[in-house]
PDB file of N, CA and C in Angstrom:
ATOM      1  N   MET A   1     -21.382 -36.899 -34.427  1.00  0.00           N
ATOM      2  CA  MET A   1     -19.830 -37.172 -34.405  1.00  0.00           C
ATOM      3  C   MET A   1     -19.572 -35.369 -35.209  1.00  0.00           C
ATOM      4  N   ARG A   2     -20.328 -35.034 -36.057  1.00  0.00           N
ATOM      5  CA  ARG A   2     -20.031 -33.788 -37.487  1.00  0.00           C
ATOM      6  C   ARG A   2     -20.728 -32.741 -36.324  1.00  0.00           C
ATOM      7  N   LYS A   3     -21.170 -32.271 -35.449  1.00  0.00           N
ATOM      8  CA  LYS A   3     -21.506 -32.022 -34.379  1.00  0.00           C
ATOM      9  C   LYS A   3     -20.935 -30.972 -33.344  1.00  0.00           C
ATOM     10  N   LYS A   4     -19.913 -32.286 -33.039  1.00  0.00           N
ATOM     11  CA  LYS A   4     -18.552 -31.730 -32.334  1.00  0.00           C
ATOM     12  C   LYS A   4     -17.390 -31.131 -32.490  1.00  0.00           C
ATOM     13  N   LEU A   5     -17.735 -31.566 -34.212  1.00  0.00           N
ATOM     14  CA  LEU A   5     -16.603 -30.503 -34.727  1.00  0.00           C
ATOM     15  C   LEU A   5     -15.963 -29.192 -34.866  1.00  0.00           C
ATOM     16  N   PRO A   6     -17.689 -28.798 -34.675  1.00  0.00           N
ATOM     17  CA  PRO A   6     -16.968 -27.403 -34.611  1.00  0.00           C
ATOM     18  C   PRO A   6     -16.744 -26.271 -33.360  1.00  0.00           C
ATOM     19  N   GLU A   7     -17.590 -27.030 -32.066  1.00  0.00           N
ATOM     20  CA  GLU A   7     -16.906 -26.737 -31.147  1.00  0.00           C
ATOM     21  C   GLU A   7     -15.492 -27.051 -30.475  1.00  0.00           C
ATOM     22  N   LYS A   8     -15.349 -28.485 -31.191  1.00  0.00           N
ATOM     23  CA  LYS A   8     -13.417 -28.784 -30.717  1.00  0.00           C
ATOM     24  C   LYS A   8     -12.646 -27.890 -32.360  1.00  0.00           C
ATOM     25  N   ILE A   9     -13.223 -26.694 -32.824  1.00  0.00           N
ATOM     26  CA  ILE A   9     -12.560 -25.767 -33.455  1.00  0.00           C
ATOM     27  C   ILE A   9     -12.939 -24.677 -32.739  1.00  0.00           C
ATOM     28  N   GLN A  10     -13.628 -24.234 -32.116  1.00  0.00           N
ATOM     29  CA  GLN A  10     -14.032 -23.227 -31.357  1.00  0.00           C
ATOM     30  C   GLN A  10     -12.855 -22.955 -30.120  1.00  0.00           C
ATOM     31  N   SER A  11     -12.706 -24.194 -29.543  1.00  0.00           N
ATOM     32  CA  SER A  11     -12.742 -24.246 -28.742  1.00  0.00           C
ATOM     33  C   SER A  11     -10.417 -23.980 -28.754  1.00  0.00           C
ATOM     34  N   LEU A  12     -10.699 -24.553 -29.904  1.00  0.00           N
ATOM     35  CA  LEU A  12      -8.452 -24.721 -30.268  1.00  0.00           C
ATOM     36  C   LEU A  12      -8.403 -23.118 -30.770  1.00  0.00           C
ATOM     37  N   LEU A  13      -9.262 -22.475 -31.756  1.00  0.00           N
ATOM     38  CA  LEU A  13      -9.137 -21.102 -31.687  1.00  0.00           C
ATOM     39  C   LEU A  13      -8.969 -20.218 -30.670  1.00  0.00           C
ATOM     40  N   TYR A  14     -10.055 -20.500 -29.630  1.00  0.00           N
ATOM     41  CA  TYR A  14     -10.291 -19.540 -28.516  1.00  0.00           C
ATOM     42  C   TYR A  14     -11.402 -18.777 -28.994  1.00  0.00           C
ATOM     43  N   LEU A  15     -12.231 -19.566 -29.726  1.00  0.00           N
ATOM     44  CA  LEU A  15     -13.267 -18.412 -29.634  1.00  0.00           C
ATOM     45  C   LEU A  15     -14.890 -18.761 -28.725  1.00  0.00           C
ATOM     46  N   ASN A  16     -14.480 -19.767 -27.636  1.00  0.00           N
ATOM     47  CA  ASN A  16     -15.271 -20.290 -26.742  1.00  0.00           C
ATOM     48  C   ASN A  16     -15.995 -18.410 -25.948  1.00  0.00           C
ATOM     49  N   THR A  17     -17.196 -18.953 -25.093  1.00  0.00           N
ATOM     50  CA  THR A  17     -17.162 -17.596 -24.721  1.00  0.00           C
ATOM     51  C   THR A  17     -16.563 -17.555 -23.254  1.00  0.00           C
ATOM     52  N   ILE A  18     -16.344 -16.889 -22.977  1.00  0.00           N
ATOM     53  CA  ILE A  18     -15.871 -16.784 -21.142  1.00  0.00           C
ATOM     54  C   ILE A  18     -16.605 -15.612 -20.098  1.00  0.00           C
ATOM     55  N   VAL A  19     -17.492 -15.854 -19.725  1.00  0.00           N
ATOM     56  CA  VAL A  19     -18.259 -15.378 -18.657  1.00  0.00           C
ATOM     57  C   VAL A  19     -17.514 -15.031 -17.414  1.00  0.00           C
ATOM     58  N   GLN A  20     -16.594 -14.348 -16.925  1.00  0.00           N
ATOM     59  CA  GLN A  20     -15.934 -14.075 -15.536  1.00  0.00           C
ATOM     60  C   GLN A  20     -16.789 -13.132 -14.449  1.00  0.00           C
ATOM     61  N   ILE A  21     -17.332 -13.919 -13.358  1.00  0.00           N
ATOM     62  CA  ILE A  21     -17.653 -12.361 -11.926  1.00  0.00           C
ATOM     63  C   ILE A  21     -17.137 -12.641 -11.358  1.00  0.00           C
ATOM     64  N   THR A  22     -16.842 -11.411 -10.954  1.00  0.00           N
ATOM     65  CA  THR A  22     -16.363 -10.978  -9.882  1.00  0.00           C
ATOM     66  C   THR A  22     -16.959  -9.793  -8.309  1.00  0.00           C
ATOM     67  N   ASP A  23     -16.919 -11.064  -7.471  1.00  0.00           N
ATOM     68  CA  ASP A  23     -17.615 -10.212  -6.845  1.00  0.00           C
ATOM     69  C   ASP A  23     -19.162 -10.100  -7.125  1.00  0.00           C
ATOM     70  N   LYS A  24     -20.097  -8.955  -6.486  1.00  0.00           N
ATOM     71  CA  LYS A  24     -20.744  -8.264  -6.578  1.00  0.00           C
ATOM     72  C   LYS A  24     -20.776  -7.539  -7.899  1.00  0.00           C
ATOM     73  N   ASP A  25     -19.631  -6.876  -8.120  1.00  0.00           N
ATOM     74  CA  ASP A  25     -19.692  -5.517  -8.941  1.00  0.00           C
ATOM     75  C   ASP A  25     -18.689  -5.738 -10.421  1.00  0.00           C
ATOM     76  N   GLU A  26     -18.412  -6.829 -11.004  1.00  0.00           N
ATOM     77  CA  GLU A  26     -17.990  -7.019 -12.085  1.00  0.00           C
ATOM     78  C   GLU A  26     -18.281  -8.075 -12.469  1.00  0.00           C
ATOM     79  N   VAL A  27     -18.511  -7.869 -14.291  1.00  0.00           N
ATOM     80  CA  VAL A  27     -18.518  -8.996 -14.741  1.00  0.00           C
ATOM     81  C   VAL A  27     -18.074  -9.024 -16.436  1.00  0.00           C
ATOM     82  N   LEU A  28     -16.978  -9.975 -16.512  1.00  0.00           N
ATOM     83  CA  LEU A  28     -16.174  -9.682 -17.820  1.00  0.00           C
ATOM     84  C   LEU A  28     -16.365 -11.003 -18.704  1.00  0.00           C
ATOM     85  N   ILE A  29     -16.478 -10.307 -19.766  1.00  0.00           N
ATOM     86  CA  ILE A  29     -17.521 -11.295 -20.801  1.00  0.00           C
ATOM     87  C   ILE A  29     -16.402 -11.399 -21.924  1.00  0.00           C
ATOM     88  N   GLU A  30     -15.875 -12.422 -22.415  1.00  0.00           N
ATOM     89  CA  GLU A  30     -14.748 -12.296 -24.180  1.00  0.00           C
ATOM     90  C   GLU A  30     -15.529 -13.119 -24.988  1.00  0.00           C
ATOM     91  N   ASN A  31     -15.372 -12.688 -25.884  1.00  0.00           N
ATOM     92  CA  ASN A  31     -15.521 -13.158 -27.194  1.00  0.00           C
ATOM     93  C   ASN A  31     -17.226 -12.936 -27.855  1.00  0.00           C
ATOM     94  N   CYS A  32     -17.277 -11.296 -27.653  1.00  0.00           N
ATOM     95  CA  CYS A  32     -18.663 -10.819 -27.540  1.00  0.00           C
ATOM     96  C   CYS A  32     -18.679 -10.762 -28.775  1.00  0.00           C
ATOM     97  N   LYS A  33     -20.002 -10.944 -29.653  1.00  0.00           N
ATOM     98  CA  LYS A  33     -20.360 -10.025 -30.654  1.00  0.00           C
ATOM     99  C   LYS A  33     -20.945  -8.881 -31.081  1.00  0.00           C
ATOM    100  N   ARG A  34     -21.780  -8.436 -30.082  1.00  0.00           N
ATOM    101  CA  ARG A  34     -22.325  -7.245 -29.911  1.00  0.00           C
ATOM    102  C   ARG A  34     -23.556  -6.813 -29.006  1.00  0.00           C
ATOM    103  N   LEU A  35     -23.448  -5.889 -28.190  1.00  0.00           N
ATOM    104  CA  LEU A  35     -23.886  -4.996 -27.242  1.00  0.00           C
ATOM    105  C   LEU A  35     -25.478  -4.544 -27.748  1.00  0.00           C
ATOM    106  N   ALA A  36     -26.363  -5.542 -27.266  1.00  0.00           N
ATOM    107  CA  ALA A  36     -27.841  -5.971 -28.037  1.00  0.00           C
ATOM    108  C   ALA A  36     -28.149  -4.572 -27.021  1.00  0.00           C
ATOM    109  N   GLU A  37     -28.463  -4.519 -25.515  1.00  0.00           N
ATOM    110  CA  GLU A  37     -29.195  -3.396 -25.118  1.00  0.00           C
ATOM    111  C   GLU A  37     -28.351  -3.110 -24.255  1.00  0.00           C
ATOM    112  N   TYR A  38     -28.421  -1.821 -23.834  1.00  0.00           N
ATOM    113  CA  TYR A  38     -28.150  -1.390 -22.325  1.00  0.00           C
ATOM    114  C   TYR A  38     -28.464   0.163 -21.714  1.00  0.00           C
ATOM    115  N   ASN A  39     -28.677   0.046 -20.638  1.00  0.00           N
ATOM    116  CA  ASN A  39     -29.164   1.143 -19.135  1.00  0.00           C
ATOM    117  C   ASN A  39     -28.422   0.606 -18.158  1.00  0.00           C
ATOM    118  N   ASP A  40     -29.009   1.235 -17.377  1.00  0.00           N
ATOM    119  CA  ASP A  40     -28.036   1.815 -16.345  1.00  0.00           C
ATOM    120  C   ASP A  40     -28.761   0.346 -15.155  1.00  0.00           C
ATOM    121  N   ILE A  41     -29.482  -0.308 -16.052  1.00  0.00           N
ATOM    122  CA  ILE A  41     -29.543  -1.539 -14.936  1.00  0.00           C
ATOM    123  C   ILE A  41     -30.048  -2.145 -15.862  1.00  0.00           C
ATOM    124  N   PHE A  42     -29.872  -2.312 -16.940  1.00  0.00           N
ATOM    125  CA  PHE A  42     -30.079  -4.091 -17.786  1.00  0.00           C
ATOM    126  C   PHE A  42     -28.699  -3.971 -18.970  1.00  0.00           C
ATOM    127  N   LEU A  43     -28.638  -5.182 -19.295  1.00  0.00           N
ATOM    128  CA  LEU A  43     -27.321  -5.253 -20.535  1.00  0.00           C
ATOM    129  C   LEU A  43     -27.783  -6.587 -20.914  1.00  0.00           C
ATOM    130  N   LYS A  44     -27.720  -6.304 -22.463  1.00  0.00           N
ATOM    131  CA  LYS A  44     -27.721  -7.662 -23.052  1.00  0.00           C
ATOM    132  C   LYS A  44     -26.871  -8.007 -24.029  1.00  0.00           C
ATOM    133  N   ILE A  45     -26.085  -8.951 -24.215  1.00  0.00           N
ATOM    134  CA  ILE A  45     -24.569  -9.194 -24.684  1.00  0.00           C
ATOM    135  C   ILE A  45     -24.804 -10.294 -25.651  1.00  0.00           C
ATOM    136  N   ILE A  46     -24.836 -10.450 -27.403  1.00  0.00           N
ATOM    137  CA  ILE A  46     -24.797 -11.435 -28.140  1.00  0.00           C
ATOM    138  C   ILE A  46     -23.611 -12.289 -28.048  1.00  0.00           C
ATOM    139  N   THR A  47     -22.699 -13.468 -28.525  1.00  0.00           N
ATOM    140  CA  THR A  47     -22.245 -13.805 -28.006  1.00  0.00           C
ATOM    141  C   THR A  47     -22.183 -15.111 -29.265  1.00  0.00           C
ATOM    142  N   ASN A  48     -21.366 -15.806 -29.309  1.00  0.00           N
ATOM    143  CA  ASN A  48     -21.303 -16.565 -30.669  1.00  0.00           C
ATOM    144  C   ASN A  48     -22.136 -17.876 -30.601  1.00  0.00           C
ATOM    145  N   ASN A  49     -22.357 -17.776 -28.739  1.00  0.00           N
ATOM    146  CA  ASN A  49     -23.444 -19.416 -28.665  1.00  0.00           C
ATOM    147  C   ASN A  49     -24.548 -19.359 -27.380  1.00  0.00           C
ATOM    148  N   MET A  50     -24.875 -17.566 -27.480  1.00  0.00           N
ATOM    149  CA  MET A  50     -25.479 -17.451 -26.262  1.00  0.00           C
ATOM    150  C   MET A  50     -25.565 -15.914 -26.305  1.00  0.00           C
ATOM    151  N   THR A  51     -26.826 -16.295 -25.849  1.00  0.00           N
ATOM    152  CA  THR A  51     -26.904 -14.323 -24.911  1.00  0.00           C
ATOM    153  C   THR A  51     -26.689 -13.815 -23.746  1.00  0.00           C
ATOM    154  N   VAL A  52     -26.233 -13.733 -22.792  1.00  0.00           N
ATOM    155  CA  VAL A  52     -25.599 -12.917 -21.780  1.00  0.00           C
ATOM    156  C   VAL A  52     -26.469 -11.963 -20.926  1.00  0.00           C
ATOM    157  N   GLN A  53     -27.413 -11.783 -20.297  1.00  0.00           N
ATOM    158  CA  GLN A  53     -28.522 -10.597 -20.109  1.00  0.00           C
ATOM    159  C   GLN A  53     -27.914 -10.138 -18.391  1.00  0.00           C
ATOM    160  N   ILE A  54     -27.315  -9.169 -18.019  1.00  0.00           N
ATOM    161  CA  ILE A  54     -27.252  -9.030 -16.593  1.00  0.00           C
ATOM    162  C   ILE A  54     -28.101  -8.116 -15.665  1.00  0.00           C
ATOM    163  N   TRP A  55     -28.616  -8.099 -15.157  1.00  0.00           N
ATOM    164  CA  TRP A  55     -29.711  -6.820 -14.113  1.00  0.00           C
ATOM    165  C   TRP A  55     -28.734  -6.243 -13.188  1.00  0.00           C
ATOM    166  N   GLY A  56     -29.093  -5.286 -12.502  1.00  0.00           N
ATOM    167  CA  GLY A  56     -28.320  -4.872 -11.395  1.00  0.00           C
ATOM    168  C   GLY A  56     -28.698  -3.449 -11.531  1.00  0.00           C
ATOM    169  N   SER A  57     -28.180  -2.322 -10.651  1.00  0.00           N
ATOM    170  CA  SER A  57     -27.920  -0.561 -10.392  1.00  0.00           C
ATOM    171  C   SER A  57     -26.252   0.175 -11.363  1.00  0.00           C
ATOM    172  N   GLY A  58     -26.814   1.018 -11.541  1.00  0.00           N
ATOM    173  CA  GLY A  58     -25.476   1.429 -11.608  1.00  0.00           C
ATOM    174  C   GLY A  58     -24.933   1.038 -12.974  1.00  0.00           C
ATOM    175  N   LEU A  59     -25.212   0.531 -13.420  1.00  0.00           N
ATOM    176  CA  LEU A  59     -23.921  -0.451 -14.850  1.00  0.00           C
ATOM    177  C   LEU A  59     -23.528  -0.151 -15.390  1.00  0.00           C
ATOM    178  N   LYS A  60     -22.324  -0.090 -15.695  1.00  0.00           N
ATOM    179  CA  LYS A  60     -21.174   0.875 -16.798  1.00  0.00           C
ATOM    180  C   LYS A  60     -20.183  -0.282 -17.436  1.00  0.00           C
ATOM    181  N   ILE A  61     -20.425   0.189 -19.025  1.00  0.00           N
ATOM    182  CA  ILE A  61     -19.343  -0.410 -19.468  1.00  0.00           C
ATOM    183  C   ILE A  61     -18.173   0.553 -19.351  1.00  0.00           C
ATOM    184  N   ASN A  62     -17.092  -0.663 -19.030  1.00  0.00           N
ATOM    185  CA  ASN A  62     -15.700  -0.163 -18.130  1.00  0.00           C
ATOM    186  C   ASN A  62     -14.858   0.189 -19.282  1.00  0.00           C
ATOM    187  N   ASN A  63     -14.614  -1.270 -20.186  1.00  0.00           N
ATOM    188  CA  ASN A  63     -14.063  -1.745 -21.079  1.00  0.00           C
ATOM    189  C   ASN A  63     -14.506  -2.468 -22.960  1.00  0.00           C
ATOM    190  N   TYR A  64     -14.586  -1.598 -23.423  1.00  0.00           N
ATOM    191  CA  TYR A  64     -15.239  -2.411 -24.158  1.00  0.00           C
ATOM    192  C   TYR A  64     -14.687  -2.606 -25.614  1.00  0.00           C
ATOM    193  N   GLY A  65     -13.304  -3.890 -25.453  1.00  0.00           N
ATOM    194  CA  GLY A  65     -12.415  -3.850 -26.647  1.00  0.00           C
ATOM    195  C   GLY A  65     -12.872  -4.984 -27.631  1.00  0.00           C
ATOM    196  N   THR A  66     -12.307  -5.125 -28.381  1.00  0.00           N
ATOM    197  CA  THR A  66     -12.439  -5.478 -29.494  1.00  0.00           C
ATOM    198  C   THR A  66     -13.773  -7.082 -29.702  1.00  0.00           C
ATOM    199  N   SER A  67     -13.383  -7.747 -28.614  1.00  0.00           N
ATOM    200  CA  SER A  67     -14.517  -8.694 -28.277  1.00  0.00           C
ATOM    201  C   SER A  67     -14.768  -9.197 -27.114  1.00  0.00           C
ATOM    202  N   SER A  68     -14.350  -7.983 -26.313  1.00  0.00           N
ATOM    203  CA  SER A  68     -14.393  -8.549 -24.751  1.00  0.00           C
ATOM    204  C   SER A  68     -15.195  -7.227 -24.182  1.00  0.00           C
ATOM    205  N   ILE A  69     -15.685  -7.507 -23.135  1.00  0.00           N
ATOM    206  CA  ILE A  69     -16.451  -6.070 -22.508  1.00  0.00           C
ATOM    207  C   ILE A  69     -16.503  -6.172 -20.696  1.00  0.00           C
ATOM    208  N   ILE A  70     -16.553  -5.481 -20.113  1.00  0.00           N
ATOM    209  CA  ILE A  70     -16.665  -5.565 -18.644  1.00  0.00           C
ATOM    210  C   ILE A  70     -17.303  -4.583 -18.231  1.00  0.00           C
ATOM    211  N   VAL A  71     -18.064  -5.160 -17.431  1.00  0.00           N
ATOM    212  CA  VAL A  71     -19.720  -4.476 -17.116  1.00  0.00           C
ATOM    213  C   VAL A  71     -18.991  -4.247 -15.401  1.00  0.00           C
ATOM    214  N   LYS A  72     -19.014  -2.635 -15.113  1.00  0.00           N
ATOM    215  CA  LYS A  72     -19.194  -2.599 -13.079  1.00  0.00           C
ATOM    216  C   LYS A  72     -20.417  -2.359 -13.275  1.00  0.00           C
ATOM    217  N   GLY A  73     -20.363  -2.252 -11.461  1.00  0.00           N
ATOM    218  CA  GLY A  73     -22.054  -1.579 -11.099  1.00  0.00           C
ATOM    219  C   GLY A  73     -22.344  -2.706 -10.103  1.00  0.00           C
ATOM    220  N   VAL A  74     -23.360  -2.433  -9.549  1.00  0.00           N
ATOM    221  CA  VAL A  74     -24.219  -3.594  -8.638  1.00  0.00           C
ATOM    222  C   VAL A  74     -24.973  -4.400  -9.425  1.00  0.00           C
ATOM    223  N   ILE A  75     -24.391  -5.566  -9.356  1.00  0.00           N
ATOM    224  CA  ILE A  75     -24.919  -6.802 -10.190  1.00  0.00           C
ATOM    225  C   ILE A  75     -25.853  -7.724  -9.557  1.00  0.00           C
ATOM    226  N   ASP A  76     -26.964  -8.475  -9.642  1.00  0.00           N
ATOM    227  CA  ASP A  76     -28.342  -8.448  -9.394  1.00  0.00           C
ATOM    228  C   ASP A  76     -28.115 -10.183 -10.019  1.00  0.00           C
ATOM    229  N   SER A  77     -28.262 -10.072 -10.890  1.00  0.00           N
ATOM    230  CA  SER A  77     -28.197 -11.761 -11.500  1.00  0.00           C
ATOM    231  C   SER A  77     -28.228 -11.050 -12.802  1.00  0.00           C
ATOM    232  N   VAL A  78     -27.176 -12.780 -13.439  1.00  0.00           N
ATOM    233  CA  VAL A  78     -26.445 -12.789 -14.682  1.00  0.00           C
ATOM    234  C   VAL A  78     -27.447 -13.984 -15.383  1.00  0.00           C
ATOM    235  N   GLU A  79     -27.925 -13.605 -16.479  1.00  0.00           N
ATOM    236  CA  GLU A  79     -28.147 -15.225 -16.693  1.00  0.00           C
ATOM    237  C   GLU A  79     -28.251 -15.528 -18.673  1.00  0.00           C
ATOM    238  N   ILE A  80     -27.892 -16.782 -18.743  1.00  0.00           N
ATOM    239  CA  ILE A  80     -26.909 -16.939 -19.969  1.00  0.00           C
ATOM    240  C   ILE A  80     -28.087 -17.765 -20.637  1.00  0.00           C
ATOM    241  N   LEU A  81     -28.730 -17.470 -21.844  1.00  0.00           N
ATOM    242  CA  LEU A  81     -29.667 -17.898 -22.722  1.00  0.00           C
ATOM    243  C   LEU A  81     -28.784 -18.641 -23.921  1.00  0.00           C
ATOM    244  N   LYS A  82     -29.443 -19.802 -24.037  1.00  0.00           N
ATOM    245  CA  LYS A  82     -28.914 -20.569 -25.312  1.00  0.00           C
ATOM    246  C   LYS A  82     -29.389 -19.840 -26.444  1.00  0.00           C
ATOM    247  N   SER A  83     -28.676 -19.609 -27.610  1.00  0.00           N
ATOM    248  CA  SER A  83     -29.169 -19.197 -28.818  1.00  0.00           C
ATOM    249  C   SER A  83     -29.896 -20.174 -29.206  1.00  0.00           C
ATOM    250  N   LYS A  84     -30.823 -19.220 -29.986  1.00  0.00           N
ATOM    251  CA  LYS A  84     -31.538 -19.681 -30.539  1.00  0.00           C
ATOM    252  C   LYS A  84     -31.460 -20.546 -32.287  1.00  0.00           C
ATOM    253  N   ASN A  85     -30.275 -20.302 -33.015  1.00  0.00           N
ATOM    254  CA  ASN A  85     -29.444 -21.193 -33.911  1.00  0.00           C
ATOM    255  C   ASN A  85     -29.124 -22.097 -33.543  1.00  0.00           C
ATOM    256  N   ARG A  86     -28.824 -22.608 -32.458  1.00  0.00           N
ATOM    257  CA  ARG A  86     -28.354 -24.042 -31.374  1.00  0.00           C
ATOM    258  C   ARG A  86     -28.912 -25.248 -31.153  1.00  0.00           C
TER     259      ARG A  86
END
């Protein structure tokens, strides 16, 4: 029961990570903590509860807001990895 409480609080406060993929050329990630690695073929983004890795070509960060990021380019794959602390 105690473990579910933080998940419910995150949901109520809109702190959950949202990953939206549009076709093969855009990925939107909301509620990011930090950008860990970035070049034109690979991005690694850390969120509250996961790590998102994006592979492709010509990758560019189109918008890096307060807690969201839009990645554009030719997207080959998106990997979602569970955080080690959960």
